[in-house]
Amino acid sequence: HESFWMDTSDTTAYPALDRDAHVDVAVIGAGIAGLSTAWELLRTGRSVAVVEAGPIAAGVTGYTTAKVTSLHTLIYHRLASSLGEPAARLYAASQQDALGHLAQTVDELGIDC
């Protein structure tokens, strides 16, 4: 079974790297984590190569629900119980900051979500 994302997206096959590449950072994996990391590194002026064995976003990323939220009630409860309420609040703030950063990046790149 193909995921919705894999079934409705164009394939992303690129040719194999056939020469040496000299970059500041090599990112292994072209899922959401790898591509986001590469993008953030590029924004700071670093040269980056993303190395992926298969189609882009065809691994774990291609089979997710793509849900982006800061509503993680279970983890907040666990953090508050084990580390205290301040730790849970800090985690919640970090999740909200990440959502804001994602929204800013989407706007900056003109991505139609």
N, C-alpha and C. Protein backbone atom coordinates (compact mmCIF):
# COMPACT_ATOMS: atom_id res chain seq x y z
N HIS A 1 0.83 -1.17 0.00
CA HIS A 1 0.00 0.00 0.00
C HIS A 1 0.88 1.24 0.00
N GLU A 2 0.55 2.17 -0.87
CA GLU A 2 1.26 3.45 -0.89
C GLU A 2 0.54 4.44 0.02
N SER A 3 1.30 5.32 0.61
CA SER A 3 0.70 6.37 1.42
C SER A 3 0.07 7.40 0.49
N PHE A 4 -0.79 8.23 1.03
CA PHE A 4 -1.41 9.30 0.25
C PHE A 4 -0.34 10.17 -0.39
N TRP A 5 0.69 10.52 0.41
CA TRP A 5 1.74 11.42 -0.09
C TRP A 5 2.52 10.77 -1.23
N MET A 6 2.85 9.51 -1.07
CA MET A 6 3.62 8.82 -2.10
C MET A 6 2.78 8.57 -3.34
N ASP A 7 1.50 8.34 -3.15
CA ASP A 7 0.60 8.03 -4.26
C ASP A 7 0.25 9.26 -5.08
N THR A 8 0.30 10.45 -4.48
CA THR A 8 -0.14 11.66 -5.18
C THR A 8 1.00 12.60 -5.53
N SER A 9 2.23 12.22 -5.26
CA SER A 9 3.37 13.09 -5.54
C SER A 9 4.18 12.56 -6.71
N ASP A 10 4.85 13.49 -7.39
CA ASP A 10 5.76 13.08 -8.44
C ASP A 10 6.93 12.32 -7.83
N THR A 11 7.51 11.42 -8.59
CA THR A 11 8.69 10.71 -8.09
C THR A 11 9.86 11.67 -8.01
N THR A 12 10.78 11.37 -7.15
CA THR A 12 11.92 12.25 -6.93
C THR A 12 13.22 11.47 -7.07
N ALA A 13 13.39 10.82 -8.19
CA ALA A 13 14.61 10.06 -8.43
C ALA A 13 15.66 10.98 -9.06
N TYR A 14 16.83 10.97 -8.49
CA TYR A 14 17.94 11.76 -9.01
C TYR A 14 19.09 10.82 -9.32
N PRO A 15 19.97 11.21 -10.24
CA PRO A 15 21.10 10.33 -10.58
C PRO A 15 22.05 10.17 -9.40
N ALA A 16 22.76 9.06 -9.41
CA ALA A 16 23.75 8.79 -8.37
C ALA A 16 24.88 9.81 -8.45
N LEU A 17 25.46 10.12 -7.32
CA LEU A 17 26.61 11.02 -7.27
C LEU A 17 27.77 10.34 -7.98
N ASP A 18 28.31 10.99 -9.00
CA ASP A 18 29.35 10.36 -9.81
C ASP A 18 30.70 11.06 -9.72
N ARG A 19 30.84 11.92 -8.72
CA ARG A 19 32.11 12.63 -8.52
C ARG A 19 32.24 13.01 -7.06
N ASP A 20 33.43 13.42 -6.68
CA ASP A 20 33.63 13.89 -5.32
C ASP A 20 32.88 15.20 -5.11
N ALA A 21 32.36 15.38 -3.94
CA ALA A 21 31.68 16.62 -3.58
C ALA A 21 32.36 17.19 -2.34
N HIS A 22 32.70 18.44 -2.40
CA HIS A 22 33.35 19.11 -1.28
C HIS A 22 32.37 20.12 -0.70
N VAL A 23 31.84 19.80 0.47
CA VAL A 23 30.85 20.64 1.13
C VAL A 23 31.19 20.77 2.61
N ASP A 24 30.57 21.74 3.24
CA ASP A 24 30.76 21.90 4.68
C ASP A 24 30.09 20.77 5.46
N VAL A 25 28.89 20.37 5.01
CA VAL A 25 28.12 19.37 5.74
C VAL A 25 27.45 18.41 4.77
N ALA A 26 27.55 17.13 5.05
CA ALA A 26 26.79 16.12 4.31
C ALA A 26 25.64 15.68 5.21
N VAL A 27 24.43 15.80 4.71
CA VAL A 27 23.24 15.36 5.44
C VAL A 27 22.82 14.03 4.85
N ILE A 28 22.73 13.03 5.69
CA ILE A 28 22.35 11.69 5.24
C ILE A 28 20.85 11.51 5.47
N GLY A 29 20.13 11.36 4.38
CA GLY A 29 18.69 11.16 4.45
C GLY A 29 17.92 12.37 4.00
N ALA A 30 16.98 12.16 3.07
CA ALA A 30 16.20 13.26 2.50
C ALA A 30 14.73 13.16 2.90
N GLY A 31 14.51 12.85 4.17
CA GLY A 31 13.16 12.94 4.72
C GLY A 31 12.98 14.33 5.30
N ILE A 32 11.93 14.53 6.05
CA ILE A 32 11.65 15.86 6.61
C ILE A 32 12.77 16.32 7.53
N ALA A 33 13.35 15.43 8.32
CA ALA A 33 14.42 15.83 9.23
C ALA A 33 15.68 16.22 8.46
N GLY A 34 16.07 15.40 7.49
CA GLY A 34 17.27 15.70 6.72
C GLY A 34 17.13 16.96 5.88
N LEU A 35 16.01 17.11 5.20
CA LEU A 35 15.81 18.28 4.35
C LEU A 35 15.67 19.55 5.18
N SER A 36 15.02 19.46 6.32
CA SER A 36 14.92 20.63 7.20
C SER A 36 16.29 21.03 7.73
N THR A 37 17.09 20.04 8.09
CA THR A 37 18.45 20.32 8.56
C THR A 37 19.26 20.97 7.46
N ALA A 38 19.18 20.43 6.25
CA ALA A 38 19.92 21.00 5.13
C ALA A 38 19.49 22.44 4.87
N TRP A 39 18.20 22.69 4.90
CA TRP A 39 17.69 24.04 4.66
C TRP A 39 18.22 25.03 5.71
N GLU A 40 18.18 24.63 6.96
CA GLU A 40 18.66 25.52 8.02
C GLU A 40 20.16 25.78 7.88
N LEU A 41 20.92 24.77 7.49
CA LEU A 41 22.36 24.96 7.27
C LEU A 41 22.62 25.89 6.09
N LEU A 42 21.87 25.72 5.01
CA LEU A 42 22.01 26.61 3.85
C LEU A 42 21.72 28.06 4.22
N ARG A 43 20.73 28.25 5.07
CA ARG A 43 20.36 29.61 5.48
C ARG A 43 21.48 30.29 6.25
N THR A 44 22.38 29.51 6.85
CA THR A 44 23.51 30.09 7.59
C THR A 44 24.75 30.24 6.71
N GLY A 45 24.61 29.92 5.42
CA GLY A 45 25.72 30.10 4.50
C GLY A 45 26.61 28.89 4.32
N ARG A 46 26.26 27.78 4.89
CA ARG A 46 27.08 26.58 4.72
C ARG A 46 26.73 25.88 3.41
N SER A 47 27.71 25.22 2.83
CA SER A 47 27.44 24.40 1.65
C SER A 47 27.04 23.01 2.13
N VAL A 48 26.03 22.45 1.48
CA VAL A 48 25.42 21.22 1.96
C VAL A 48 25.18 20.26 0.80
N ALA A 49 25.41 18.98 1.05
CA ALA A 49 24.99 17.93 0.13
C ALA A 49 24.06 17.00 0.90
N VAL A 50 22.90 16.73 0.30
CA VAL A 50 21.97 15.77 0.89
C VAL A 50 22.16 14.46 0.15
N VAL A 51 22.42 13.40 0.90
CA VAL A 51 22.66 12.09 0.31
C VAL A 51 21.50 11.18 0.71
N GLU A 52 20.87 10.59 -0.28
CA GLU A 52 19.70 9.74 -0.04
C GLU A 52 19.80 8.51 -0.93
N ALA A 53 19.54 7.35 -0.37
CA ALA A 53 19.63 6.09 -1.12
C ALA A 53 18.42 5.86 -2.02
N GLY A 54 17.30 6.44 -1.70
CA GLY A 54 16.07 6.20 -2.46
C GLY A 54 15.41 7.51 -2.85
N PRO A 55 14.16 7.45 -3.23
CA PRO A 55 13.43 8.68 -3.56
C PRO A 55 13.30 9.59 -2.34
N ILE A 56 13.25 10.87 -2.59
CA ILE A 56 13.13 11.85 -1.51
C ILE A 56 11.82 11.65 -0.76
N ALA A 57 11.92 11.68 0.55
CA ALA A 57 10.77 11.58 1.46
C ALA A 57 9.98 10.29 1.29
N ALA A 58 10.61 9.24 0.80
CA ALA A 58 9.90 7.99 0.56
C ALA A 58 10.03 6.99 1.71
N GLY A 59 10.76 7.36 2.74
CA GLY A 59 10.89 6.46 3.89
C GLY A 59 9.83 6.77 4.92
N VAL A 60 10.25 6.95 6.15
CA VAL A 60 9.31 7.24 7.24
C VAL A 60 8.48 8.48 6.93
N THR A 61 9.12 9.53 6.42
CA THR A 61 8.41 10.78 6.12
C THR A 61 7.23 10.55 5.18
N GLY A 62 7.42 9.73 4.17
CA GLY A 62 6.37 9.50 3.19
C GLY A 62 5.18 8.73 3.71
N TYR A 63 5.32 8.16 4.88
CA TYR A 63 4.23 7.35 5.44
C TYR A 63 3.67 7.94 6.74
N THR A 64 3.98 9.20 7.00
CA THR A 64 3.43 9.86 8.18
C THR A 64 2.10 10.51 7.85
N THR A 65 1.44 11.00 8.86
CA THR A 65 0.20 11.75 8.65
C THR A 65 0.47 13.21 8.39
N ALA A 66 1.71 13.64 8.50
CA ALA A 66 2.13 15.03 8.31
C ALA A 66 1.43 15.97 9.28
N LYS A 67 1.09 15.47 10.42
CA LYS A 67 0.42 16.27 11.45
C LYS A 67 1.46 17.14 12.15
N VAL A 68 1.22 18.43 12.16
CA VAL A 68 2.11 19.36 12.85
C VAL A 68 1.29 20.04 13.94
N THR A 69 1.67 19.82 15.17
CA THR A 69 0.90 20.34 16.29
C THR A 69 1.78 20.46 17.53
N SER A 70 1.31 21.26 18.45
CA SER A 70 1.98 21.32 19.76
C SER A 70 1.08 20.71 20.83
N LEU A 71 0.02 20.08 20.42
CA LEU A 71 -0.94 19.49 21.36
C LEU A 71 -0.56 18.05 21.66
N HIS A 72 0.34 17.88 22.61
CA HIS A 72 0.86 16.57 22.97
C HIS A 72 0.52 16.27 24.43
N THR A 73 -0.73 16.17 24.74
CA THR A 73 -1.18 16.05 26.13
C THR A 73 -0.45 14.96 26.90
N LEU A 74 -0.27 13.80 26.31
CA LEU A 74 0.35 12.69 27.01
C LEU A 74 1.78 13.03 27.43
N ILE A 75 2.57 13.60 26.52
CA ILE A 75 3.96 13.91 26.87
C ILE A 75 4.03 15.02 27.90
N TYR A 76 3.13 16.00 27.83
CA TYR A 76 3.13 17.06 28.83
C TYR A 76 2.85 16.47 30.22
N HIS A 77 1.91 15.57 30.29
CA HIS A 77 1.58 14.93 31.58
C HIS A 77 2.79 14.14 32.10
N ARG A 78 3.43 13.40 31.20
CA ARG A 78 4.60 12.61 31.62
C ARG A 78 5.75 13.51 32.08
N LEU A 79 5.99 14.59 31.34
CA LEU A 79 7.06 15.50 31.73
C LEU A 79 6.76 16.16 33.08
N ALA A 80 5.54 16.62 33.24
CA ALA A 80 5.17 17.26 34.50
C ALA A 80 5.29 16.29 35.67
N SER A 81 4.91 15.04 35.44
CA SER A 81 4.98 14.03 36.51
C SER A 81 6.42 13.67 36.86
N SER A 82 7.27 13.56 35.85
CA SER A 82 8.64 13.10 36.11
C SER A 82 9.64 14.23 36.34
N LEU A 83 9.46 15.36 35.67
CA LEU A 83 10.45 16.44 35.77
C LEU A 83 9.90 17.73 36.35
N GLY A 84 8.59 17.78 36.53
CA GLY A 84 7.97 18.99 37.08
C GLY A 84 7.30 19.83 36.01
N GLU A 85 6.39 20.66 36.48
CA GLU A 85 5.63 21.51 35.56
C GLU A 85 6.50 22.48 34.75
N PRO A 86 7.56 23.07 35.33
CA PRO A 86 8.40 23.97 34.53
C PRO A 86 9.00 23.28 33.30
N ALA A 87 9.40 22.03 33.44
CA ALA A 87 9.95 21.29 32.30
C ALA A 87 8.88 21.07 31.24
N ALA A 88 7.68 20.74 31.66
CA ALA A 88 6.59 20.54 30.71
C ALA A 88 6.27 21.85 29.99
N ARG A 89 6.28 22.96 30.72
CA ARG A 89 6.02 24.26 30.09
C ARG A 89 7.12 24.64 29.10
N LEU A 90 8.36 24.34 29.45
CA LEU A 90 9.48 24.61 28.55
C LEU A 90 9.35 23.80 27.27
N TYR A 91 9.00 22.54 27.41
CA TYR A 91 8.78 21.69 26.23
C TYR A 91 7.65 22.24 25.38
N ALA A 92 6.55 22.65 26.01
CA ALA A 92 5.42 23.22 25.28
C ALA A 92 5.83 24.48 24.53
N ALA A 93 6.61 25.33 25.17
CA ALA A 93 7.07 26.56 24.52
C ALA A 93 7.96 26.23 23.32
N SER A 94 8.80 25.22 23.46
CA SER A 94 9.68 24.84 22.34
C SER A 94 8.86 24.32 21.16
N GLN A 95 7.77 23.61 21.44
CA GLN A 95 6.92 23.10 20.37
C GLN A 95 6.19 24.24 19.67
N GLN A 96 5.73 25.23 20.42
CA GLN A 96 5.08 26.40 19.82
C GLN A 96 6.07 27.19 18.98
N ASP A 97 7.30 27.35 19.48
CA ASP A 97 8.34 28.04 18.71
C ASP A 97 8.61 27.32 17.40
N ALA A 98 8.66 25.99 17.45
CA ALA A 98 8.90 25.21 16.24
C ALA A 98 7.77 25.40 15.23
N LEU A 99 6.54 25.45 15.70
CA LEU A 99 5.41 25.69 14.80
C LEU A 99 5.52 27.06 14.15
N GLY A 100 5.89 28.06 14.93
CA GLY A 100 6.07 29.40 14.39
C GLY A 100 7.18 29.44 13.35
N HIS A 101 8.27 28.75 13.63
CA HIS A 101 9.38 28.71 12.68
C HIS A 101 8.96 28.01 11.39
N LEU A 102 8.22 26.93 11.51
CA LEU A 102 7.72 26.23 10.33
C LEU A 102 6.81 27.13 9.50
N ALA A 103 5.90 27.83 10.15
CA ALA A 103 4.99 28.73 9.44
C ALA A 103 5.77 29.83 8.73
N GLN A 104 6.79 30.37 9.38
CA GLN A 104 7.63 31.40 8.78
C GLN A 104 8.36 30.86 7.54
N THR A 105 8.89 29.66 7.65
CA THR A 105 9.60 29.04 6.52
C THR A 105 8.65 28.78 5.36
N VAL A 106 7.45 28.29 5.65
CA VAL A 106 6.45 28.05 4.61
C VAL A 106 6.13 29.35 3.88
N ASP A 107 5.94 30.43 4.63
CA ASP A 107 5.66 31.73 4.02
C ASP A 107 6.84 32.21 3.19
N GLU A 108 8.03 32.10 3.75
CA GLU A 108 9.25 32.55 3.08
C GLU A 108 9.47 31.84 1.75
N LEU A 109 9.20 30.54 1.72
CA LEU A 109 9.42 29.75 0.51
C LEU A 109 8.20 29.70 -0.40
N GLY A 110 7.09 30.26 0.04
CA GLY A 110 5.87 30.25 -0.78
C GLY A 110 5.31 28.86 -0.98
N ILE A 111 5.39 28.03 0.04
CA ILE A 111 4.90 26.65 -0.05
C ILE A 111 3.39 26.65 0.14
N ASP A 112 2.68 25.98 -0.74
CA ASP A 112 1.23 25.87 -0.66
C ASP A 112 0.87 24.66 0.19
N CYS A 113 0.53 24.89 1.43
CA CYS A 113 0.18 23.79 2.34
C CYS A 113 -1.32 23.67 2.48
